[in-house]
Amino acid sequence: MKRLYKSTKVVYDAHLKEYQVYYKNWFIWRYDSCYKFDDQTTKYPVHYSSEETAKERAIYRAKSMLNSVEVWRGTQYWRTE
């Protein structure tokens, strides 16, 4: 089985109050997702969570991306219809 991602990282952005998840296959880091948090209120827990929860979710996402593998791949070179 072939792994889909070679390395991942989580970046903390204090200005935007979010944790950003990046992955790298060859030489370029690519953006995957972000987890925003709000330190004043958590009225909207779906979009904003506490800082600890956002950090844990971002790290969990980065770790799970490293375990992503390609299970099967098929191609059809010549179509016989």
C-alpha atoms as a PDB file:
ATOM      1  CA  MET A   1       0.000   0.000   0.000  1.00  0.00           C
ATOM      2  CA  LYS A   2       1.269   3.429  -0.936  1.00  0.00           C
ATOM      3  CA  ARG A   3       1.154   6.297   1.561  1.00  0.00           C
ATOM      4  CA  LEU A   4      -0.538   9.424   0.207  1.00  0.00           C
ATOM      5  CA  TYR A   5       1.335  12.042   2.256  1.00  0.00           C
ATOM      6  CA  LYS A   6       5.046  12.112   3.133  1.00  0.00           C
ATOM      7  CA  SER A   7       4.878  14.655   5.965  1.00  0.00           C
ATOM      8  CA  THR A   8       2.400  16.962   7.685  1.00  0.00           C
ATOM      9  CA  LYS A   9       2.607  19.963  10.001  1.00  0.00           C
ATOM     10  CA  VAL A  10       0.350  22.145  12.130  1.00  0.00           C
ATOM     11  CA  VAL A  11       0.924  25.913  12.148  1.00  0.00           C
ATOM     12  CA  TYR A  12      -0.481  28.238  14.821  1.00  0.00           C
ATOM     13  CA  ASP A  13      -1.653  31.628  13.526  1.00  0.00           C
ATOM     14  CA  ALA A  14      -2.146  34.020  16.440  1.00  0.00           C
ATOM     15  CA  HIS A  15      -3.536  36.838  14.314  1.00  0.00           C
ATOM     16  CA  LEU A  16      -6.364  34.786  12.781  1.00  0.00           C
ATOM     17  CA  LYS A  17      -6.786  32.595  15.895  1.00  0.00           C
ATOM     18  CA  GLU A  18      -6.541  29.292  14.065  1.00  0.00           C
ATOM     19  CA  TYR A  19      -4.446  26.167  13.639  1.00  0.00           C
ATOM     20  CA  GLN A  20      -3.615  25.387  10.005  1.00  0.00           C
ATOM     21  CA  VAL A  21      -2.798  21.893   8.720  1.00  0.00           C
ATOM     22  CA  TYR A  22      -0.323  21.476   5.842  1.00  0.00           C
ATOM     23  CA  TYR A  23       1.014  18.435   4.012  1.00  0.00           C
ATOM     24  CA  LYS A  24       4.071  17.900   1.816  1.00  0.00           C
ATOM     25  CA  ASN A  25       4.564  15.238  -0.830  1.00  0.00           C
ATOM     26  CA  TRP A  26       7.705  16.360  -2.602  1.00  0.00           C
ATOM     27  CA  PHE A  27       9.072  19.873  -2.103  1.00  0.00           C
ATOM     28  CA  ILE A  28       6.038  22.128  -1.627  1.00  0.00           C
ATOM     29  CA  TRP A  29       3.884  22.500   1.487  1.00  0.00           C
ATOM     30  CA  ARG A  30       0.185  22.560   0.585  1.00  0.00           C
ATOM     31  CA  TYR A  31      -2.685  23.847   2.702  1.00  0.00           C
ATOM     32  CA  ASP A  32      -5.251  21.255   3.819  1.00  0.00           C
ATOM     33  CA  SER A  33      -7.562  22.734   6.466  1.00  0.00           C
ATOM     34  CA  CYS A  34      -7.785  25.040   9.469  1.00  0.00           C
ATOM     35  CA  TYR A  35      -9.383  24.879  12.896  1.00  0.00           C
ATOM     36  CA  LYS A  36     -10.499  28.234  14.284  1.00  0.00           C
ATOM     37  CA  PHE A  37     -10.935  29.006  17.942  1.00  0.00           C
ATOM     38  CA  ASP A  38     -12.386  31.813  20.000  1.00  0.00           C
ATOM     39  CA  ASP A  39     -11.028  32.561  23.448  1.00  0.00           C
ATOM     40  CA  GLN A  40     -13.833  34.898  24.538  1.00  0.00           C
ATOM     41  CA  THR A  41     -17.013  32.920  23.931  1.00  0.00           C
ATOM     42  CA  THR A  42     -18.012  29.577  22.515  1.00  0.00           C
ATOM     43  CA  LYS A  43     -21.551  30.401  21.411  1.00  0.00           C
ATOM     44  CA  TYR A  44     -20.983  28.632  18.103  1.00  0.00           C
ATOM     45  CA  PRO A  45     -19.170  25.361  18.886  1.00  0.00           C
ATOM     46  CA  VAL A  46     -19.474  24.068  15.310  1.00  0.00           C
ATOM     47  CA  HIS A  47     -17.420  26.886  13.802  1.00  0.00           C
ATOM     48  CA  TYR A  48     -15.403  28.069  16.793  1.00  0.00           C
ATOM     49  CA  SER A  49     -14.118  25.971  19.665  1.00  0.00           C
ATOM     50  CA  SER A  50     -11.747  26.512  22.557  1.00  0.00           C
ATOM     51  CA  GLU A  51      -8.040  26.808  21.806  1.00  0.00           C
ATOM     52  CA  GLU A  52      -7.217  23.417  23.316  1.00  0.00           C
ATOM     53  CA  THR A  53      -9.916  21.653  21.304  1.00  0.00           C
ATOM     54  CA  ALA A  54      -8.853  23.329  18.056  1.00  0.00           C
ATOM     55  CA  LYS A  55      -5.231  22.348  18.676  1.00  0.00           C
ATOM     56  CA  GLU A  56      -6.150  18.724  19.421  1.00  0.00           C
ATOM     57  CA  ARG A  57      -8.359  18.491  16.323  1.00  0.00           C
ATOM     58  CA  ALA A  58      -5.617  19.928  14.079  1.00  0.00           C
ATOM     59  CA  ILE A  59      -2.993  17.516  15.441  1.00  0.00           C
ATOM     60  CA  TYR A  60      -5.393  14.589  15.072  1.00  0.00           C
ATOM     61  CA  ARG A  61      -6.053  15.566  11.435  1.00  0.00           C
ATOM     62  CA  ALA A  62      -2.315  15.841  10.696  1.00  0.00           C
ATOM     63  CA  LYS A  63      -1.602  12.436  12.274  1.00  0.00           C
ATOM     64  CA  SER A  64      -4.470  10.756  10.449  1.00  0.00           C
ATOM     65  CA  MET A  65      -3.227  12.143   7.127  1.00  0.00           C
ATOM     66  CA  LEU A  66       0.081  10.332   7.674  1.00  0.00           C
ATOM     67  CA  ASN A  67      -1.820   7.049   7.997  1.00  0.00           C
ATOM     68  CA  SER A  68      -3.791   7.585   4.770  1.00  0.00           C
ATOM     69  CA  VAL A  69      -2.907   4.935   2.194  1.00  0.00           C
ATOM     70  CA  GLU A  70      -4.010   4.076  -1.294  1.00  0.00           C
ATOM     71  CA  VAL A  71      -5.712   0.676  -1.134  1.00  0.00           C
ATOM     72  CA  TRP A  72      -6.528   0.064  -4.789  1.00  0.00           C
ATOM     73  CA  ARG A  73      -5.923   1.731  -8.138  1.00  0.00           C
ATOM     74  CA  GLY A  74      -7.234   0.650 -11.496  1.00  0.00           C
ATOM     75  CA  THR A  75      -6.807   1.941 -15.020  1.00  0.00           C
ATOM     76  CA  GLN A  76      -8.424   0.994 -18.264  1.00  0.00           C
ATOM     77  CA  TYR A  77      -5.995   1.493 -21.141  1.00  0.00           C
ATOM     78  CA  TRP A  78      -8.035  -0.025 -23.952  1.00  0.00           C
ATOM     79  CA  ARG A  79     -11.760   0.172 -23.875  1.00  0.00           C
ATOM     80  CA  THR A  80     -13.492  -2.729 -25.611  1.00  0.00           C
ATOM     81  CA  GLU A  81     -17.104  -1.774 -26.125  1.00  0.00           C
END
